[in-house]
C-alpha atoms as a PDB file:
ATOM      1  CA  MET A   1     120.425 133.941  51.513  1.00  0.00           C
ATOM      2  CA  LYS A   2     118.249 131.711  49.333  1.00  0.00           C
ATOM      3  CA  LYS A   3     114.628 132.615  48.585  1.00  0.00           C
ATOM      4  CA  PHE A   4     111.453 130.563  48.602  1.00  0.00           C
ATOM      5  CA  LEU A   5     107.868 131.231  47.606  1.00  0.00           C
ATOM      6  CA  PHE A   6     105.272 130.058  50.146  1.00  0.00           C
ATOM      7  CA  LEU A   7     101.827 129.435  48.639  1.00  0.00           C
ATOM      8  CA  GLY A   8      99.010 129.464  51.169  1.00  0.00           C
ATOM      9  CA  THR A   9      95.423 130.431  51.876  1.00  0.00           C
ATOM     10  CA  LYS A  10      95.012 132.517  55.030  1.00  0.00           C
ATOM     11  CA  VAL A  11      91.226 132.159  55.168  1.00  0.00           C
ATOM     12  CA  ALA A  12      90.221 128.619  54.200  1.00  0.00           C
ATOM     13  CA  ALA A  13      87.489 126.110  54.957  1.00  0.00           C
ATOM     14  CA  TYR A  14      89.838 123.431  56.277  1.00  0.00           C
ATOM     15  CA  HIS A  15      93.521 124.324  55.920  1.00  0.00           C
ATOM     16  CA  GLY A  16      94.181 127.968  56.620  1.00  0.00           C
ATOM     17  CA  SER A  17      97.837 128.836  56.242  1.00  0.00           C
ATOM     18  CA  ALA A  18      97.820 131.564  58.919  1.00  0.00           C
ATOM     19  CA  GLY A  19     100.463 130.472  61.391  1.00  0.00           C
ATOM     20  CA  ILE A  20     101.756 127.661  59.171  1.00  0.00           C
ATOM     21  CA  ASP A  21     103.706 130.128  57.048  1.00  0.00           C
ATOM     22  CA  GLU A  22     105.179 131.567  60.249  1.00  0.00           C
ATOM     23  CA  GLN A  23     106.264 128.117  61.412  1.00  0.00           C
ATOM     24  CA  VAL A  24     108.017 127.367  58.111  1.00  0.00           C
ATOM     25  CA  SER A  25     109.667 130.792  58.045  1.00  0.00           C
ATOM     26  CA  ARG A  26     110.827 130.274  61.653  1.00  0.00           C
ATOM     27  CA  LEU A  27     112.402 126.912  60.864  1.00  0.00           C
ATOM     28  CA  LEU A  28     114.209 128.098  57.737  1.00  0.00           C
ATOM     29  CA  LYS A  29     115.056 131.695  58.653  1.00  0.00           C
ATOM     30  CA  ASP A  30     118.805 131.096  59.006  1.00  0.00           C
ATOM     31  CA  GLU A  31     119.235 130.138  55.351  1.00  0.00           C
ATOM     32  CA  TRP A  32     116.058 131.150  53.521  1.00  0.00           C
ATOM     33  CA  GLU A  33     113.999 134.296  52.921  1.00  0.00           C
ATOM     34  CA  MET A  34     110.246 133.759  52.405  1.00  0.00           C
ATOM     35  CA  THR A  35     107.801 135.467  50.045  1.00  0.00           C
ATOM     36  CA  TYR A  36     104.116 134.719  50.719  1.00  0.00           C
ATOM     37  CA  ALA A  37     101.456 134.445  47.984  1.00  0.00           C
ATOM     38  CA  GLU A  38      97.868 133.204  47.744  1.00  0.00           C
ATOM     39  CA  ASP A  39      97.625 132.828  43.982  1.00  0.00           C
ATOM     40  CA  LEU A  40      99.705 131.565  41.084  1.00  0.00           C
ATOM     41  CA  ALA A  41     100.492 134.942  39.558  1.00  0.00           C
ATOM     42  CA  LEU A  42     104.225 134.236  39.974  1.00  0.00           C
ATOM     43  CA  PHE A  43     103.940 130.945  38.068  1.00  0.00           C
ATOM     44  CA  THR A  44     105.712 132.327  35.031  1.00  0.00           C
ATOM     45  CA  PRO A  45     109.313 131.689  33.984  1.00  0.00           C
ATOM     46  CA  GLU A  46     110.225 135.233  35.079  1.00  0.00           C
ATOM     47  CA  GLY A  47     108.283 135.052  38.333  1.00  0.00           C
ATOM     48  CA  LEU A  48     109.709 131.733  39.473  1.00  0.00           C
ATOM     49  CA  ALA A  49     113.231 132.740  38.459  1.00  0.00           C
ATOM     50  CA  GLN A  50     113.298 134.903  41.625  1.00  0.00           C
ATOM     51  CA  PHE A  51     113.193 131.797  43.837  1.00  0.00           C
ATOM     52  CA  ASP A  52     115.185 128.689  44.643  1.00  0.00           C
ATOM     53  CA  MET A  53     112.242 126.778  46.118  1.00  0.00           C
ATOM     54  CA  VAL A  54     108.423 126.774  45.988  1.00  0.00           C
ATOM     55  CA  VAL A  55     106.568 125.575  49.105  1.00  0.00           C
ATOM     56  CA  SER A  56     102.890 124.731  48.663  1.00  0.00           C
ATOM     57  CA  TYR A  57     100.312 124.774  51.444  1.00  0.00           C
ATOM     58  CA  LEU A  58      97.448 125.783  49.160  1.00  0.00           C
ATOM     59  CA  GLU A  59      93.920 124.888  50.225  1.00  0.00           C
ATOM     60  CA  PHE A  60      92.032 122.457  47.983  1.00  0.00           C
ATOM     61  CA  ASN A  61      89.806 124.575  45.728  1.00  0.00           C
ATOM     62  CA  LYS A  62      87.752 123.173  42.858  1.00  0.00           C
ATOM     63  CA  GLN A  63      87.354 126.680  41.449  1.00  0.00           C
ATOM     64  CA  ARG A  64      91.095 127.297  41.132  1.00  0.00           C
ATOM     65  CA  VAL A  65      92.185 126.996  37.521  1.00  0.00           C
ATOM     66  CA  ILE A  66      95.820 126.155  36.872  1.00  0.00           C
ATOM     67  CA  THR A  67      96.618 127.024  33.286  1.00  0.00           C
ATOM     68  CA  ASP A  68      98.877 124.954  31.069  1.00  0.00           C
ATOM     69  CA  GLU A  69     101.303 127.882  31.020  1.00  0.00           C
ATOM     70  CA  GLN A  70     101.459 128.025  34.835  1.00  0.00           C
ATOM     71  CA  ALA A  71     101.943 124.260  35.107  1.00  0.00           C
ATOM     72  CA  ASP A  72     104.664 124.341  32.460  1.00  0.00           C
ATOM     73  CA  ALA A  73     106.425 127.182  34.298  1.00  0.00           C
ATOM     74  CA  LEU A  74     106.555 125.172  37.538  1.00  0.00           C
ATOM     75  CA  VAL A  75     107.705 121.989  35.814  1.00  0.00           C
ATOM     76  CA  SER A  76     110.452 123.922  34.007  1.00  0.00           C
ATOM     77  CA  PHE A  77     111.448 125.592  37.291  1.00  0.00           C
ATOM     78  CA  VAL A  78     112.033 122.173  38.859  1.00  0.00           C
ATOM     79  CA  GLU A  79     113.642 120.612  35.793  1.00  0.00           C
ATOM     80  CA  ASN A  80     116.139 123.474  35.702  1.00  0.00           C
ATOM     81  CA  GLY A  81     117.254 123.018  39.307  1.00  0.00           C
ATOM     82  CA  GLY A  82     114.509 124.417  41.548  1.00  0.00           C
ATOM     83  CA  THR A  83     112.815 122.574  44.405  1.00  0.00           C
ATOM     84  CA  LEU A  84     109.096 122.027  44.945  1.00  0.00           C
ATOM     85  CA  MET A  85     108.139 121.140  48.521  1.00  0.00           C
ATOM     86  CA  GLY A  86     104.552 120.395  49.536  1.00  0.00           C
ATOM     87  CA  PHE A  87     103.032 120.062  52.991  1.00  0.00           C
ATOM     88  CA  HIS A  88      99.743 118.257  53.651  1.00  0.00           C
ATOM     89  CA  ASN A  89      97.028 119.948  51.540  1.00  0.00           C
ATOM     90  CA  GLY A  90      99.719 121.638  49.446  1.00  0.00           C
ATOM     91  CA  ILE A  91      99.464 118.743  47.014  1.00  0.00           C
ATOM     92  CA  ALA A  92      96.366 120.605  45.776  1.00  0.00           C
ATOM     93  CA  LEU A  93      98.474 121.613  42.770  1.00  0.00           C
ATOM     94  CA  GLN A  94      97.833 118.045  41.555  1.00  0.00           C
ATOM     95  CA  THR A  95      94.622 119.231  39.903  1.00  0.00           C
ATOM     96  CA  HIS A  96      96.627 119.913  36.763  1.00  0.00           C
ATOM     97  CA  PRO A  97      97.740 116.585  35.208  1.00  0.00           C
ATOM     98  CA  ARG A  98     101.324 117.777  34.654  1.00  0.00           C
ATOM     99  CA  LEU A  99     101.594 118.676  38.338  1.00  0.00           C
ATOM    100  CA  HIS A 100     100.056 115.357  39.357  1.00  0.00           C
ATOM    101  CA  GLN A 101     102.921 113.785  37.456  1.00  0.00           C
ATOM    102  CA  LEU A 102     105.388 116.189  39.072  1.00  0.00           C
ATOM    103  CA  PHE A 103     104.350 115.211  42.617  1.00  0.00           C
ATOM    104  CA  GLY A 104     104.251 111.521  41.700  1.00  0.00           C
ATOM    105  CA  ALA A 105     100.938 110.995  43.517  1.00  0.00           C
ATOM    106  CA  ARG A 106      97.410 112.289  43.899  1.00  0.00           C
ATOM    107  CA  PHE A 107      95.584 112.841  47.188  1.00  0.00           C
ATOM    108  CA  CYS A 108      92.482 110.636  47.220  1.00  0.00           C
ATOM    109  CA  GLY A 109      91.021 111.244  50.673  1.00  0.00           C
ATOM    110  CA  HIS A 110      91.242 110.315  54.332  1.00  0.00           C
ATOM    111  CA  PRO A 111      89.021 108.341  56.697  1.00  0.00           C
ATOM    112  CA  TYR A 112      86.141 110.163  58.332  1.00  0.00           C
ATOM    113  CA  TYR A 113      86.947 111.103  61.893  1.00  0.00           C
ATOM    114  CA  GLU A 114      85.478 113.125  64.727  1.00  0.00           C
ATOM    115  CA  ALA A 115      88.797 113.893  66.427  1.00  0.00           C
ATOM    116  CA  MET A 116      92.293 114.245  65.019  1.00  0.00           C
ATOM    117  CA  PRO A 117      93.966 110.814  65.321  1.00  0.00           C
ATOM    118  CA  ILE A 118      97.413 110.540  66.862  1.00  0.00           C
ATOM    119  CA  LEU A 119      99.504 108.919  64.151  1.00  0.00           C
ATOM    120  CA  PRO A 120     102.793 107.084  64.733  1.00  0.00           C
ATOM    121  CA  TYR A 121     105.423 108.006  62.132  1.00  0.00           C
ATOM    122  CA  ARG A 122     108.520 106.006  61.225  1.00  0.00           C
ATOM    123  CA  VAL A 123     111.588 106.834  59.138  1.00  0.00           C
ATOM    124  CA  VAL A 124     112.055 103.962  56.671  1.00  0.00           C
ATOM    125  CA  LYS A 125     114.945 105.297  54.580  1.00  0.00           C
ATOM    126  CA  GLN A 126     118.098 107.027  55.754  1.00  0.00           C
ATOM    127  CA  HIS A 127     118.796 110.147  53.734  1.00  0.00           C
ATOM    128  CA  PRO A 128     120.157 113.673  54.313  1.00  0.00           C
ATOM    129  CA  ILE A 129     116.529 114.757  54.854  1.00  0.00           C
ATOM    130  CA  THR A 130     116.211 112.406  57.836  1.00  0.00           C
ATOM    131  CA  GLU A 131     119.576 113.188  59.433  1.00  0.00           C
ATOM    132  CA  GLY A 132     119.133 113.804  63.154  1.00  0.00           C
ATOM    133  CA  VAL A 133     115.522 112.612  63.147  1.00  0.00           C
ATOM    134  CA  ASN A 134     114.500 110.038  65.748  1.00  0.00           C
ATOM    135  CA  THR A 135     114.530 106.638  64.078  1.00  0.00           C
ATOM    136  CA  LEU A 136     112.080 105.294  66.660  1.00  0.00           C
ATOM    137  CA  PRO A 137     108.374 105.852  65.978  1.00  0.00           C
ATOM    138  CA  TRP A 138     107.166 109.311  67.013  1.00  0.00           C
ATOM    139  CA  VAL A 139     103.601 110.542  67.202  1.00  0.00           C
ATOM    140  CA  SER A 140     101.735 113.613  66.019  1.00  0.00           C
ATOM    141  CA  PRO A 141      98.068 114.498  65.602  1.00  0.00           C
ATOM    142  CA  ASP A 142      97.297 114.696  61.888  1.00  0.00           C
ATOM    143  CA  GLU A 143      94.919 113.637  59.142  1.00  0.00           C
ATOM    144  CA  PRO A 144      95.760 110.185  57.727  1.00  0.00           C
ATOM    145  CA  TYR A 145      96.065 111.189  54.084  1.00  0.00           C
ATOM    146  CA  ARG A 146      95.893 108.509  51.415  1.00  0.00           C
ATOM    147  CA  PHE A 147      97.218 108.719  47.881  1.00  0.00           C
ATOM    148  CA  GLU A 148      97.005 107.266  44.426  1.00  0.00           C
ATOM    149  CA  MET A 149     100.707 106.657  43.855  1.00  0.00           C
ATOM    150  CA  LEU A 150     102.265 106.769  40.417  1.00  0.00           C
ATOM    151  CA  GLU A 151     104.813 104.141  39.485  1.00  0.00           C
ATOM    152  CA  ASP A 152     107.911 106.289  39.147  1.00  0.00           C
ATOM    153  CA  ASP A 153     111.285 106.950  40.721  1.00  0.00           C
ATOM    154  CA  LYS A 154     110.143 108.515  43.996  1.00  0.00           C
ATOM    155  CA  GLU A 155     111.646 107.351  47.284  1.00  0.00           C
ATOM    156  CA  ILE A 156     109.363 107.043  50.318  1.00  0.00           C
ATOM    157  CA  PHE A 157     111.307 107.896  53.488  1.00  0.00           C
ATOM    158  CA  LEU A 158     108.529 108.323  56.071  1.00  0.00           C
ATOM    159  CA  VAL A 159     105.424 106.229  56.763  1.00  0.00           C
ATOM    160  CA  TYR A 160     102.608 106.224  59.309  1.00  0.00           C
ATOM    161  CA  ASP A 161     100.663 103.324  60.777  1.00  0.00           C
ATOM    162  CA  TYR A 162      96.874 103.447  60.871  1.00  0.00           C
ATOM    163  CA  GLU A 163      94.359 100.705  61.530  1.00  0.00           C
ATOM    164  CA  GLY A 164      97.006  98.011  61.198  1.00  0.00           C
ATOM    165  CA  LYS A 165      98.406  99.160  57.863  1.00  0.00           C
ATOM    166  CA  GLU A 166     101.433 101.150  56.767  1.00  0.00           C
ATOM    167  CA  TRP A 167     100.836 104.271  54.620  1.00  0.00           C
ATOM    168  CA  PRO A 168     103.282 106.606  52.825  1.00  0.00           C
ATOM    169  CA  ALA A 169     103.772 109.909  54.633  1.00  0.00           C
ATOM    170  CA  ALA A 170     106.675 111.558  52.775  1.00  0.00           C
ATOM    171  CA  TRP A 171     108.750 111.053  49.670  1.00  0.00           C
ATOM    172  CA  TYR A 172     111.202 112.773  47.370  1.00  0.00           C
ATOM    173  CA  ARG A 173     111.994 112.460  43.694  1.00  0.00           C
ATOM    174  CA  HIS A 174     114.519 113.937  41.280  1.00  0.00           C
ATOM    175  CA  VAL A 175     113.102 115.749  38.267  1.00  0.00           C
ATOM    176  CA  GLY A 176     115.698 116.911  35.788  1.00  0.00           C
ATOM    177  CA  LYS A 177     118.185 119.006  37.758  1.00  0.00           C
ATOM    178  CA  GLY A 178     115.670 119.701  40.525  1.00  0.00           C
ATOM    179  CA  LYS A 179     113.849 118.008  43.386  1.00  0.00           C
ATOM    180  CA  VAL A 180     110.292 117.415  44.560  1.00  0.00           C
ATOM    181  CA  ILE A 181     109.640 116.700  48.252  1.00  0.00           C
ATOM    182  CA  TYR A 182     106.212 116.015  49.740  1.00  0.00           C
ATOM    183  CA  PHE A 183     105.069 115.610  53.358  1.00  0.00           C
ATOM    184  CA  ALA A 184     101.557 114.469  54.277  1.00  0.00           C
ATOM    185  CA  ASN A 185     102.149 115.995  57.725  1.00  0.00           C
ATOM    186  CA  GLY A 186     101.112 119.501  58.663  1.00  0.00           C
ATOM    187  CA  HIS A 187      97.368 119.839  59.293  1.00  0.00           C
ATOM    188  CA  CYS A 188      97.919 121.930  62.415  1.00  0.00           C
ATOM    189  CA  ARG A 189     100.701 124.045  63.847  1.00  0.00           C
ATOM    190  CA  CYS A 190     101.415 121.517  66.595  1.00  0.00           C
ATOM    191  CA  ALA A 191     102.941 119.186  63.977  1.00  0.00           C
ATOM    192  CA  PHE A 192     105.709 121.724  63.457  1.00  0.00           C
ATOM    193  CA  TYR A 193     106.973 121.153  67.005  1.00  0.00           C
ATOM    194  CA  THR A 194     107.583 117.413  66.515  1.00  0.00           C
ATOM    195  CA  GLU A 195     110.305 115.521  64.648  1.00  0.00           C
ATOM    196  CA  PHE A 196     108.539 116.826  61.542  1.00  0.00           C
ATOM    197  CA  SER A 197     110.290 120.161  62.076  1.00  0.00           C
ATOM    198  CA  LYS A 198     113.676 118.456  61.711  1.00  0.00           C
ATOM    199  CA  LEU A 199     112.515 116.881  58.450  1.00  0.00           C
ATOM    200  CA  ILE A 200     111.563 120.303  57.059  1.00  0.00           C
ATOM    201  CA  VAL A 201     114.993 121.705  57.890  1.00  0.00           C
ATOM    202  CA  GLY A 202     116.694 118.610  56.469  1.00  0.00           C
ATOM    203  CA  ALA A 203     114.674 118.811  53.280  1.00  0.00           C
ATOM    204  CA  ALA A 204     115.439 122.500  52.782  1.00  0.00           C
ATOM    205  CA  ARG A 205     119.161 121.939  53.367  1.00  0.00           C
ATOM    206  CA  TRP A 206     119.151 119.052  50.914  1.00  0.00           C
ATOM    207  CA  ALA A 207     117.436 121.324  48.402  1.00  0.00           C
ATOM    208  CA  LEU A 208     120.089 123.951  49.043  1.00  0.00           C
ATOM    209  CA  ASN A 209     123.173 121.752  49.043  1.00  0.00           C
ATOM    210  CA  GLY A 210     122.199 118.609  47.151  1.00  0.00           C
END
């Protein structure tokens, strides 16, 4: 049984992880054992050595300080064969420049809305992550996240359409011996009962088996 660290924030202004952690644990329970944390105390070489994957659903927090040592520990974890997977607001780790580079993008906002829009998602690259996922557009309520994308070796495999334009929704990249996978999906628990759930399982199996 492989182990992953789930980073979340149970009580949060916008993206509480209560229930989200349960959904991820439910989807991966056959192959993965989850440890839950709300801070970065385990972001040391010794702490991260206990895990095969780090999953981030951390709330955005301007007061959270990520030290150089913590950022270096996570980068080394991935470079040495670990996996970093982020859902939705979990890209909050980007606040440290080394982790911005690690994700390959920075969240830069979403349109103002009064109700959660129903976004159509499309798989645009066949990959082990997308195996078994409906190749026709599928819909889910979610926030239409937008990103400042770095020019690097990441591969976008999922997009969403919004206001007549195509936007990146998920990508992966290889970093050293490890992998980084990011999904913009996941604002609410309902997203975890769509085709998105198959992508999570596919991504975790790809992390496990390569």
